[in-house]
Amino acid sequence: MANYKISGIWKDANDNNAITHYAFHEISEKSISRGIKTSKADAVRILSQPGNSAVTWVWDYSAAFWENGEKVTVVNSSYLRSNPDNKLTDNLAHLIDYDWLQR
């Protein structure tokens, strides 16, 4: 059983709307790991395992601090979703786009 925070995404260079990877941070008893670039398929597999869970981790610019966001779920065994806008889509696109920062 593992708990994660997802702080950002990477998108396909040819299709700017398609999320290909997520920044996964594993939560341990005393710390949170650095973001690990995790493929969409691996992210779905990890969060489909019983007992594993994730929340979005959103940067609060006014407080200059990370805050927990929405619970992340697996939909149709094919994509991750949170519920910030009540749409049934691959909608973690509101997270930081790390594509320009780290490949």
PDB file of N, CA and C in Angstrom:
ATOM      1  N   MET A   1       0.840  -1.174   0.000  1.00  0.00           N
ATOM      2  CA  MET A   1       0.000   0.000   0.000  1.00  0.00           C
ATOM      3  C   MET A   1       0.890   1.244   0.000  1.00  0.00           C
ATOM      4  N   ALA A   2       0.622   2.155  -0.924  1.00  0.00           N
ATOM      5  CA  ALA A   2       1.431   3.368  -1.020  1.00  0.00           C
ATOM      6  C   ALA A   2       0.535   4.573  -1.305  1.00  0.00           C
ATOM      7  N   ASN A   3       0.979   5.712  -0.818  1.00  0.00           N
ATOM      8  CA  ASN A   3       0.263   6.964  -1.053  1.00  0.00           C
ATOM      9  C   ASN A   3       1.174   7.906  -1.828  1.00  0.00           C
ATOM     10  N   TYR A   4       0.569   8.650  -2.747  1.00  0.00           N
ATOM     11  CA  TYR A   4       1.329   9.523  -3.633  1.00  0.00           C
ATOM     12  C   TYR A   4       0.686  10.900  -3.721  1.00  0.00           C
ATOM     13  N   LYS A   5       1.514  11.856  -4.118  1.00  0.00           N
ATOM     14  CA  LYS A   5       1.054  13.180  -4.526  1.00  0.00           C
ATOM     15  C   LYS A   5       1.501  13.342  -5.967  1.00  0.00           C
ATOM     16  N   ILE A   6       0.668  13.969  -6.778  1.00  0.00           N
ATOM     17  CA  ILE A   6       1.003  14.214  -8.183  1.00  0.00           C
ATOM     18  C   ILE A   6       1.060  15.724  -8.376  1.00  0.00           C
ATOM     19  N   SER A   7       2.270  16.221  -8.681  1.00  0.00           N
ATOM     20  CA  SER A   7       2.465  17.673  -8.730  1.00  0.00           C
ATOM     21  C   SER A   7       2.472  18.257 -10.138  1.00  0.00           C
ATOM     22  N   GLY A   8       2.640  17.415 -11.146  1.00  0.00           N
ATOM     23  CA  GLY A   8       2.734  17.977 -12.486  1.00  0.00           C
ATOM     24  C   GLY A   8       2.605  16.919 -13.560  1.00  0.00           C
ATOM     25  N   ILE A   9       2.706  17.393 -14.791  1.00  0.00           N
ATOM     26  CA  ILE A   9       2.505  16.537 -15.955  1.00  0.00           C
ATOM     27  C   ILE A   9       3.541  16.834 -17.029  1.00  0.00           C
ATOM     28  N   TRP A  10       3.657  15.916 -17.975  1.00  0.00           N
ATOM     29  CA  TRP A  10       4.381  16.122 -19.223  1.00  0.00           C
ATOM     30  C   TRP A  10       3.405  15.802 -20.339  1.00  0.00           C
ATOM     31  N   LYS A  11       3.490  16.538 -21.441  1.00  0.00           N
ATOM     32  CA  LYS A  11       2.578  16.315 -22.569  1.00  0.00           C
ATOM     33  C   LYS A  11       3.344  15.850 -23.793  1.00  0.00           C
ATOM     34  N   ASP A  12       2.633  15.199 -24.691  1.00  0.00           N
ATOM     35  CA  ASP A  12       3.182  14.729 -25.957  1.00  0.00           C
ATOM     36  C   ASP A  12       3.613  15.937 -26.787  1.00  0.00           C
ATOM     37  N   ALA A  13       4.811  15.912 -27.317  1.00  0.00           N
ATOM     38  CA  ALA A  13       5.336  17.030 -28.105  1.00  0.00           C
ATOM     39  C   ALA A  13       4.526  17.263 -29.370  1.00  0.00           C
ATOM     40  N   ASN A  14       3.897  16.227 -29.903  1.00  0.00           N
ATOM     41  CA  ASN A  14       3.116  16.361 -31.139  1.00  0.00           C
ATOM     42  C   ASN A  14       1.647  16.647 -30.887  1.00  0.00           C
ATOM     43  N   ASP A  15       1.164  16.350 -29.707  1.00  0.00           N
ATOM     44  CA  ASP A  15      -0.241  16.587 -29.347  1.00  0.00           C
ATOM     45  C   ASP A  15      -0.239  17.243 -27.980  1.00  0.00           C
ATOM     46  N   ASN A  16      -0.248  18.546 -27.944  1.00  0.00           N
ATOM     47  CA  ASN A  16      -0.062  19.307 -26.710  1.00  0.00           C
ATOM     48  C   ASN A  16      -1.133  19.044 -25.647  1.00  0.00           C
ATOM     49  N   ASN A  17      -2.214  18.379 -26.016  1.00  0.00           N
ATOM     50  CA  ASN A  17      -3.249  18.101 -25.025  1.00  0.00           C
ATOM     51  C   ASN A  17      -3.123  16.715 -24.409  1.00  0.00           C
ATOM     52  N   ALA A  18      -2.288  15.859 -24.978  1.00  0.00           N
ATOM     53  CA  ALA A  18      -2.175  14.484 -24.497  1.00  0.00           C
ATOM     54  C   ALA A  18      -1.130  14.375 -23.391  1.00  0.00           C
ATOM     55  N   ILE A  19      -1.562  14.011 -22.207  1.00  0.00           N
ATOM     56  CA  ILE A  19      -0.648  13.811 -21.088  1.00  0.00           C
ATOM     57  C   ILE A  19       0.041  12.464 -21.254  1.00  0.00           C
ATOM     58  N   THR A  20       1.372  12.467 -21.155  1.00  0.00           N
ATOM     59  CA  THR A  20       2.132  11.219 -21.305  1.00  0.00           C
ATOM     60  C   THR A  20       2.759  10.740 -20.001  1.00  0.00           C
ATOM     61  N   HIS A  21       3.065  11.678 -19.088  1.00  0.00           N
ATOM     62  CA  HIS A  21       3.730  11.336 -17.834  1.00  0.00           C
ATOM     63  C   HIS A  21       3.214  12.231 -16.708  1.00  0.00           C
ATOM     64  N   TYR A  22       3.409  11.736 -15.487  1.00  0.00           N
ATOM     65  CA  TYR A  22       3.026  12.477 -14.290  1.00  0.00           C
ATOM     66  C   TYR A  22       4.226  12.550 -13.349  1.00  0.00           C
ATOM     67  N   ALA A  23       4.294  13.595 -12.536  1.00  0.00           N
ATOM     68  CA  ALA A  23       5.313  13.703 -11.494  1.00  0.00           C
ATOM     69  C   ALA A  23       4.739  13.093 -10.217  1.00  0.00           C
ATOM     70  N   PHE A  24       5.191  11.879  -9.885  1.00  0.00           N
ATOM     71  CA  PHE A  24       4.723  11.139  -8.717  1.00  0.00           C
ATOM     72  C   PHE A  24       5.676  11.370  -7.555  1.00  0.00           C
ATOM     73  N   HIS A  25       5.137  11.690  -6.397  1.00  0.00           N
ATOM     74  CA  HIS A  25       5.902  11.856  -5.171  1.00  0.00           C
ATOM     75  C   HIS A  25       5.363  10.836  -4.179  1.00  0.00           C
ATOM     76  N   GLU A  26       6.212   9.907  -3.746  1.00  0.00           N
ATOM     77  CA  GLU A  26       5.756   8.913  -2.781  1.00  0.00           C
ATOM     78  C   GLU A  26       5.832   9.493  -1.373  1.00  0.00           C
ATOM     79  N   ILE A  27       4.784   9.268  -0.621  1.00  0.00           N
ATOM     80  CA  ILE A  27       4.708   9.754   0.753  1.00  0.00           C
ATOM     81  C   ILE A  27       5.183   8.642   1.684  1.00  0.00           C
ATOM     82  N   SER A  28       6.185   8.964   2.498  1.00  0.00           N
ATOM     83  CA  SER A  28       6.631   8.003   3.514  1.00  0.00           C
ATOM     84  C   SER A  28       6.270   8.574   4.883  1.00  0.00           C
ATOM     85  N   GLU A  29       6.643   7.864   5.912  1.00  0.00           N
ATOM     86  CA  GLU A  29       6.272   8.276   7.260  1.00  0.00           C
ATOM     87  C   GLU A  29       6.835   9.651   7.623  1.00  0.00           C
ATOM     88  N   LYS A  30       8.067   9.946   7.149  1.00  0.00           N
ATOM     89  CA  LYS A  30       8.713  11.186   7.563  1.00  0.00           C
ATOM     90  C   LYS A  30       9.037  12.149   6.426  1.00  0.00           C
ATOM     91  N   SER A  31       8.718  11.766   5.178  1.00  0.00           N
ATOM     92  CA  SER A  31       9.083  12.659   4.079  1.00  0.00           C
ATOM     93  C   SER A  31       8.239  12.377   2.837  1.00  0.00           C
ATOM     94  N   ILE A  32       8.463  13.207   1.850  1.00  0.00           N
ATOM     95  CA  ILE A  32       7.829  13.048   0.538  1.00  0.00           C
ATOM     96  C   ILE A  32       8.959  13.063  -0.488  1.00  0.00           C
ATOM     97  N   SER A  33       8.950  12.092  -1.383  1.00  0.00           N
ATOM     98  CA  SER A  33      10.046  11.977  -2.350  1.00  0.00           C
ATOM     99  C   SER A  33      10.019  13.111  -3.365  1.00  0.00           C
ATOM    100  N   ARG A  34      11.148  13.294  -4.029  1.00  0.00           N
ATOM    101  CA  ARG A  34      11.180  14.191  -5.180  1.00  0.00           C
ATOM    102  C   ARG A  34      10.277  13.603  -6.250  1.00  0.00           C
ATOM    103  N   GLY A  35       9.850  14.441  -7.182  1.00  0.00           N
ATOM    104  CA  GLY A  35       8.982  13.963  -8.242  1.00  0.00           C
ATOM    105  C   GLY A  35       9.692  12.950  -9.128  1.00  0.00           C
ATOM    106  N   ILE A  36       9.034  11.843  -9.386  1.00  0.00           N
ATOM    107  CA  ILE A  36       9.561  10.826 -10.284  1.00  0.00           C
ATOM    108  C   ILE A  36       8.689  10.825 -11.533  1.00  0.00           C
ATOM    109  N   LYS A  37       9.319  11.019 -12.683  1.00  0.00           N
ATOM    110  CA  LYS A  37       8.584  11.037 -13.943  1.00  0.00           C
ATOM    111  C   LYS A  37       8.045   9.631 -14.206  1.00  0.00           C
ATOM    112  N   THR A  38       6.727   9.509 -14.194  1.00  0.00           N
ATOM    113  CA  THR A  38       6.056   8.217 -14.281  1.00  0.00           C
ATOM    114  C   THR A  38       5.150   8.207 -15.502  1.00  0.00           C
ATOM    115  N   SER A  39       5.313   7.213 -16.366  1.00  0.00           N
ATOM    116  CA  SER A  39       4.492   7.153 -17.586  1.00  0.00           C
ATOM    117  C   SER A  39       3.021   7.011 -17.220  1.00  0.00           C
ATOM    118  N   LYS A  40       2.176   7.415 -18.142  1.00  0.00           N
ATOM    119  CA  LYS A  40       0.740   7.329 -17.927  1.00  0.00           C
ATOM    120  C   LYS A  40       0.328   5.881 -17.638  1.00  0.00           C
ATOM    121  N   ALA A  41       0.867   4.935 -18.417  1.00  0.00           N
ATOM    122  CA  ALA A  41       0.528   3.518 -18.219  1.00  0.00           C
ATOM    123  C   ALA A  41       0.947   3.043 -16.830  1.00  0.00           C
ATOM    124  N   ASP A  42       2.148   3.421 -16.389  1.00  0.00           N
ATOM    125  CA  ASP A  42       2.615   3.019 -15.063  1.00  0.00           C
ATOM    126  C   ASP A  42       1.790   3.682 -13.961  1.00  0.00           C
ATOM    127  N   ALA A  43       1.421   4.937 -14.168  1.00  0.00           N
ATOM    128  CA  ALA A  43       0.604   5.648 -13.181  1.00  0.00           C
ATOM    129  C   ALA A  43      -0.753   4.965 -13.011  1.00  0.00           C
ATOM    130  N   VAL A  44      -1.368   4.596 -14.119  1.00  0.00           N
ATOM    131  CA  VAL A  44      -2.649   3.894 -14.064  1.00  0.00           C
ATOM    132  C   VAL A  44      -2.477   2.549 -13.355  1.00  0.00           C
ATOM    133  N   ARG A  45      -1.413   1.831 -13.695  1.00  0.00           N
ATOM    134  CA  ARG A  45      -1.155   0.527 -13.066  1.00  0.00           C
ATOM    135  C   ARG A  45      -0.948   0.678 -11.559  1.00  0.00           C
ATOM    136  N   ILE A  46      -0.140   1.655 -11.151  1.00  0.00           N
ATOM    137  CA  ILE A  46       0.153   1.875  -9.727  1.00  0.00           C
ATOM    138  C   ILE A  46      -1.125   2.202  -8.956  1.00  0.00           C
ATOM    139  N   LEU A  47      -1.925   3.113  -9.489  1.00  0.00           N
ATOM    140  CA  LEU A  47      -3.117   3.545  -8.751  1.00  0.00           C
ATOM    141  C   LEU A  47      -4.280   2.577  -8.875  1.00  0.00           C
ATOM    142  N   SER A  48      -4.156   1.595  -9.766  1.00  0.00           N
ATOM    143  CA  SER A  48      -5.183   0.553  -9.874  1.00  0.00           C
ATOM    144  C   SER A  48      -4.978  -0.540  -8.832  1.00  0.00           C
ATOM    145  N   GLN A  49      -3.799  -0.574  -8.231  1.00  0.00           N
ATOM    146  CA  GLN A  49      -3.514  -1.586  -7.214  1.00  0.00           C
ATOM    147  C   GLN A  49      -4.275  -1.253  -5.933  1.00  0.00           C
ATOM    148  N   PRO A  50      -4.950  -2.253  -5.374  1.00  0.00           N
ATOM    149  CA  PRO A  50      -5.706  -2.024  -4.135  1.00  0.00           C
ATOM    150  C   PRO A  50      -4.831  -1.423  -3.036  1.00  0.00           C
ATOM    151  N   GLY A  51      -5.356  -0.412  -2.380  1.00  0.00           N
ATOM    152  CA  GLY A  51      -4.641   0.221  -1.277  1.00  0.00           C
ATOM    153  C   GLY A  51      -3.790   1.412  -1.671  1.00  0.00           C
ATOM    154  N   ASN A  52      -3.459   1.558  -2.955  1.00  0.00           N
ATOM    155  CA  ASN A  52      -2.680   2.714  -3.393  1.00  0.00           C
ATOM    156  C   ASN A  52      -3.614   3.887  -3.642  1.00  0.00           C
ATOM    157  N   SER A  53      -3.138   5.091  -3.348  1.00  0.00           N
ATOM    158  CA  SER A  53      -3.963   6.279  -3.563  1.00  0.00           C
ATOM    159  C   SER A  53      -3.080   7.478  -3.904  1.00  0.00           C
ATOM    160  N   ALA A  54      -3.721   8.511  -4.448  1.00  0.00           N
ATOM    161  CA  ALA A  54      -2.994   9.738  -4.795  1.00  0.00           C
ATOM    162  C   ALA A  54      -3.922  10.940  -4.689  1.00  0.00           C
ATOM    163  N   VAL A  55      -3.294  12.093  -4.444  1.00  0.00           N
ATOM    164  CA  VAL A  55      -3.977  13.374  -4.503  1.00  0.00           C
ATOM    165  C   VAL A  55      -3.131  14.294  -5.375  1.00  0.00           C
ATOM    166  N   THR A  56      -3.765  15.292  -5.934  1.00  0.00           N
ATOM    167  CA  THR A  56      -2.984  16.293  -6.647  1.00  0.00           C
ATOM    168  C   THR A  56      -2.256  17.137  -5.604  1.00  0.00           C
ATOM    169  N   TRP A  57      -1.132  17.686  -6.008  1.00  0.00           N
ATOM    170  CA  TRP A  57      -0.324  18.532  -5.126  1.00  0.00           C
ATOM    171  C   TRP A  57      -0.135  19.841  -5.868  1.00  0.00           C
ATOM    172  N   VAL A  58      -0.797  20.862  -5.409  1.00  0.00           N
ATOM    173  CA  VAL A  58      -0.910  22.112  -6.153  1.00  0.00           C
ATOM    174  C   VAL A  58      -0.100  23.214  -5.478  1.00  0.00           C
ATOM    175  N   TRP A  59       0.673  23.945  -6.285  1.00  0.00           N
ATOM    176  CA  TRP A  59       1.463  25.057  -5.757  1.00  0.00           C
ATOM    177  C   TRP A  59       0.540  26.245  -5.512  1.00  0.00           C
ATOM    178  N   ASP A  60       0.548  26.740  -4.280  1.00  0.00           N
ATOM    179  CA  ASP A  60      -0.228  27.922  -3.911  1.00  0.00           C
ATOM    180  C   ASP A  60       0.709  29.125  -4.019  1.00  0.00           C
ATOM    181  N   TYR A  61       0.537  29.889  -5.062  1.00  0.00           N
ATOM    182  CA  TYR A  61       1.448  31.012  -5.331  1.00  0.00           C
ATOM    183  C   TYR A  61       1.383  32.084  -4.248  1.00  0.00           C
ATOM    184  N   SER A  62       0.209  32.342  -3.694  1.00  0.00           N
ATOM    185  CA  SER A  62       0.116  33.395  -2.682  1.00  0.00           C
ATOM    186  C   SER A  62       0.780  32.987  -1.366  1.00  0.00           C
ATOM    187  N   ALA A  63       0.713  31.702  -1.026  1.00  0.00           N
ATOM    188  CA  ALA A  63       1.338  31.220   0.214  1.00  0.00           C
ATOM    189  C   ALA A  63       2.757  30.703  -0.017  1.00  0.00           C
ATOM    190  N   ALA A  64       3.143  30.543  -1.289  1.00  0.00           N
ATOM    191  CA  ALA A  64       4.451  29.989  -1.655  1.00  0.00           C
ATOM    192  C   ALA A  64       4.677  28.637  -0.972  1.00  0.00           C
ATOM    193  N   PHE A  65       3.687  27.751  -1.144  1.00  0.00           N
ATOM    194  CA  PHE A  65       3.733  26.448  -0.488  1.00  0.00           C
ATOM    195  C   PHE A  65       2.870  25.459  -1.256  1.00  0.00           C
ATOM    196  N   TRP A  66       3.210  24.170  -1.168  1.00  0.00           N
ATOM    197  CA  TRP A  66       2.408  23.118  -1.794  1.00  0.00           C
ATOM    198  C   TRP A  66       1.189  22.805  -0.933  1.00  0.00           C
ATOM    199  N   GLU A  67       0.053  22.596  -1.587  1.00  0.00           N
ATOM    200  CA  GLU A  67      -1.173  22.218  -0.886  1.00  0.00           C
ATOM    201  C   GLU A  67      -1.767  20.973  -1.527  1.00  0.00           C
ATOM    202  N   ASN A  68      -2.366  20.125  -0.706  1.00  0.00           N
ATOM    203  CA  ASN A  68      -3.075  18.974  -1.241  1.00  0.00           C
ATOM    204  C   ASN A  68      -4.302  19.447  -1.993  1.00  0.00           C
ATOM    205  N   GLY A  69      -4.532  18.801  -3.131  1.00  0.00           N
ATOM    206  CA  GLY A  69      -5.698  19.130  -3.933  1.00  0.00           C
ATOM    207  C   GLY A  69      -6.726  18.019  -3.874  1.00  0.00           C
ATOM    208  N   GLU A  70      -7.198  17.631  -5.048  1.00  0.00           N
ATOM    209  CA  GLU A  70      -8.259  16.636  -5.162  1.00  0.00           C
ATOM    210  C   GLU A  70      -7.713  15.210  -5.131  1.00  0.00           C
ATOM    211  N   LYS A  71      -8.566  14.285  -4.748  1.00  0.00           N
ATOM    212  CA  LYS A  71      -8.251  12.862  -4.846  1.00  0.00           C
ATOM    213  C   LYS A  71      -8.157  12.502  -6.331  1.00  0.00           C
ATOM    214  N   VAL A  72      -7.203  11.647  -6.672  1.00  0.00           N
ATOM    215  CA  VAL A  72      -7.011  11.202  -8.055  1.00  0.00           C
ATOM    216  C   VAL A  72      -7.543   9.776  -8.179  1.00  0.00           C
ATOM    217  N   THR A  73      -8.309   9.527  -9.229  1.00  0.00           N
ATOM    218  CA  THR A  73      -8.858   8.195  -9.464  1.00  0.00           C
ATOM    219  C   THR A  73      -8.498   7.718 -10.866  1.00  0.00           C
ATOM    220  N   VAL A  74      -8.580   6.403 -11.051  1.00  0.00           N
ATOM    221  CA  VAL A  74      -8.362   5.796 -12.366  1.00  0.00           C
ATOM    222  C   VAL A  74      -9.732   5.608 -13.012  1.00  0.00           C
ATOM    223  N   VAL A  75      -9.854   6.027 -14.266  1.00  0.00           N
ATOM    224  CA  VAL A  75     -11.116   5.905 -14.992  1.00  0.00           C
ATOM    225  C   VAL A  75     -10.933   4.971 -16.182  1.00  0.00           C
ATOM    226  N   ASN A  76     -11.816   3.988 -16.271  1.00  0.00           N
ATOM    227  CA  ASN A  76     -11.830   3.034 -17.395  1.00  0.00           C
ATOM    228  C   ASN A  76     -10.483   2.361 -17.626  1.00  0.00           C
ATOM    229  N   SER A  77      -9.702   2.191 -16.583  1.00  0.00           N
ATOM    230  CA  SER A  77      -8.376   1.567 -16.678  1.00  0.00           C
ATOM    231  C   SER A  77      -7.482   2.224 -17.720  1.00  0.00           C
ATOM    232  N   SER A  78      -7.732   3.510 -18.024  1.00  0.00           N
ATOM    233  CA  SER A  78      -6.946   4.131 -19.090  1.00  0.00           C
ATOM    234  C   SER A  78      -6.407   5.522 -18.785  1.00  0.00           C
ATOM    235  N   TYR A  79      -6.969   6.233 -17.816  1.00  0.00           N
ATOM    236  CA  TYR A  79      -6.420   7.553 -17.494  1.00  0.00           C
ATOM    237  C   TYR A  79      -6.733   7.940 -16.061  1.00  0.00           C
ATOM    238  N   LEU A  80      -6.024   8.976 -15.598  1.00  0.00           N
ATOM    239  CA  LEU A  80      -6.219   9.495 -14.249  1.00  0.00           C
ATOM    240  C   LEU A  80      -7.094  10.731 -14.316  1.00  0.00           C
ATOM    241  N   ARG A  81      -7.812  10.927 -13.230  1.00  0.00           N
ATOM    242  CA  ARG A  81      -8.660  12.109 -13.189  1.00  0.00           C
ATOM    243  C   ARG A  81      -8.834  12.567 -11.754  1.00  0.00           C
ATOM    244  N   SER A  82      -8.928  13.881 -11.616  1.00  0.00           N
ATOM    245  CA  SER A  82      -9.350  14.468 -10.351  1.00  0.00           C
ATOM    246  C   SER A  82     -10.681  15.137 -10.680  1.00  0.00           C
ATOM    247  N   ASN A  83     -11.205  15.916  -9.796  1.00  0.00           N
ATOM    248  CA  ASN A  83     -12.521  16.483 -10.062  1.00  0.00           C
ATOM    249  C   ASN A  83     -12.576  17.996  -9.880  1.00  0.00           C
ATOM    250  N   PRO A  84     -11.574  18.743 -10.367  1.00  0.00           N
ATOM    251  CA  PRO A  84     -11.615  20.189 -10.128  1.00  0.00           C
ATOM    252  C   PRO A  84     -12.693  20.900 -10.935  1.00  0.00           C
ATOM    253  N   ASP A  85     -13.122  20.320 -12.050  1.00  0.00           N
ATOM    254  CA  ASP A  85     -14.104  21.001 -12.882  1.00  0.00           C
ATOM    255  C   ASP A  85     -15.321  20.133 -13.206  1.00  0.00           C
ATOM    256  N   ASN A  86     -15.475  19.018 -12.491  1.00  0.00           N
ATOM    257  CA  ASN A  86     -16.628  18.134 -12.649  1.00  0.00           C
ATOM    258  C   ASN A  86     -16.762  17.537 -14.039  1.00  0.00           C
ATOM    259  N   LYS A  87     -15.671  17.415 -14.796  1.00  0.00           N
ATOM    260  CA  LYS A  87     -15.713  16.822 -16.124  1.00  0.00           C
ATOM    261  C   LYS A  87     -15.084  15.444 -16.081  1.00  0.00           C
ATOM    262  N   LEU A  88     -15.677  14.501 -16.793  1.00  0.00           N
ATOM    263  CA  LEU A  88     -15.163  13.135 -16.843  1.00  0.00           C
ATOM    264  C   LEU A  88     -14.128  13.044 -17.953  1.00  0.00           C
ATOM    265  N   THR A  89     -12.964  13.620 -17.734  1.00  0.00           N
ATOM    266  CA  THR A  89     -11.900  13.612 -18.737  1.00  0.00           C
ATOM    267  C   THR A  89     -10.560  13.424 -18.040  1.00  0.00           C
ATOM    268  N   ASP A  90      -9.525  13.282 -18.848  1.00  0.00           N
ATOM    269  CA  ASP A  90      -8.157  13.207 -18.339  1.00  0.00           C
ATOM    270  C   ASP A  90      -7.766  14.628 -17.962  1.00  0.00           C
ATOM    271  N   ASN A  91      -8.226  15.080 -16.812  1.00  0.00           N
ATOM    272  CA  ASN A  91      -8.178  16.510 -16.521  1.00  0.00           C
ATOM    273  C   ASN A  91      -7.161  16.915 -15.471  1.00  0.00           C
ATOM    274  N   LEU A  92      -6.029  16.237 -15.409  1.00  0.00           N
ATOM    275  CA  LEU A  92      -4.980  16.715 -14.522  1.00  0.00           C
ATOM    276  C   LEU A  92      -4.133  17.779 -15.228  1.00  0.00           C
ATOM    277  N   ALA A  93      -4.619  18.256 -16.352  1.00  0.00           N
ATOM    278  CA  ALA A  93      -3.903  19.268 -17.125  1.00  0.00           C
ATOM    279  C   ALA A  93      -3.782  20.598 -16.374  1.00  0.00           C
ATOM    280  N   HIS A  94      -4.502  20.770 -15.281  1.00  0.00           N
ATOM    281  CA  HIS A  94      -4.389  21.996 -14.488  1.00  0.00           C
ATOM    282  C   HIS A  94      -3.112  22.012 -13.647  1.00  0.00           C
ATOM    283  N   LEU A  95      -2.428  20.869 -13.558  1.00  0.00           N
ATOM    284  CA  LEU A  95      -1.181  20.809 -12.787  1.00  0.00           C
ATOM    285  C   LEU A  95      -0.033  21.449 -13.564  1.00  0.00           C
ATOM    286  N   ILE A  96       1.069  21.697 -12.890  1.00  0.00           N
ATOM    287  CA  ILE A  96       2.234  22.321 -13.513  1.00  0.00           C
ATOM    288  C   ILE A  96       2.710  21.477 -14.691  1.00  0.00           C
ATOM    289  N   ASP A  97       2.969  22.126 -15.813  1.00  0.00           N
ATOM    290  CA  ASP A  97       3.496  21.441 -16.998  1.00  0.00           C
ATOM    291  C   ASP A  97       5.018  21.449 -16.895  1.00  0.00           C
ATOM    292  N   TYR A  98       5.574  20.299 -16.541  1.00  0.00           N
ATOM    293  CA  TYR A  98       7.023  20.187 -16.356  1.00  0.00           C
ATOM    294  C   TYR A  98       7.772  20.011 -17.671  1.00  0.00           C
ATOM    295  N   ASP A  99       7.077  19.954 -18.764  1.00  0.00           N
ATOM    296  CA  ASP A  99       7.711  19.689 -20.049  1.00  0.00           C
ATOM    297  C   ASP A  99       8.852  20.666 -20.345  1.00  0.00           C
ATOM    298  N   TRP A 100       8.683  21.910 -20.044  1.00  0.00           N
ATOM    299  CA  TRP A 100       9.710  22.917 -20.321  1.00  0.00           C
ATOM    300  C   TRP A 100      10.821  22.874 -19.283  1.00  0.00           C
ATOM    301  N   LEU A 101      10.572  22.251 -18.136  1.00  0.00           N
ATOM    302  CA  LEU A 101      11.515  22.265 -17.026  1.00  0.00           C
ATOM    303  C   LEU A 101      12.424  21.044 -17.005  1.00  0.00           C
ATOM    304  N   GLN A 102      11.850  19.880 -17.269  1.00  0.00           N
ATOM    305  CA  GLN A 102      12.589  18.635 -17.115  1.00  0.00           C
ATOM    306  C   GLN A 102      12.021  17.614 -18.089  1.00  0.00           C
ATOM    307  N   ARG A 103      12.875  16.951 -18.822  1.00  0.00           N
ATOM    308  CA  ARG A 103      12.408  15.935 -19.783  1.00  0.00           C
ATOM    309  C   ARG A 103      12.553  14.567 -19.261  1.00  0.00           C
TER     310      ARG A 103
END
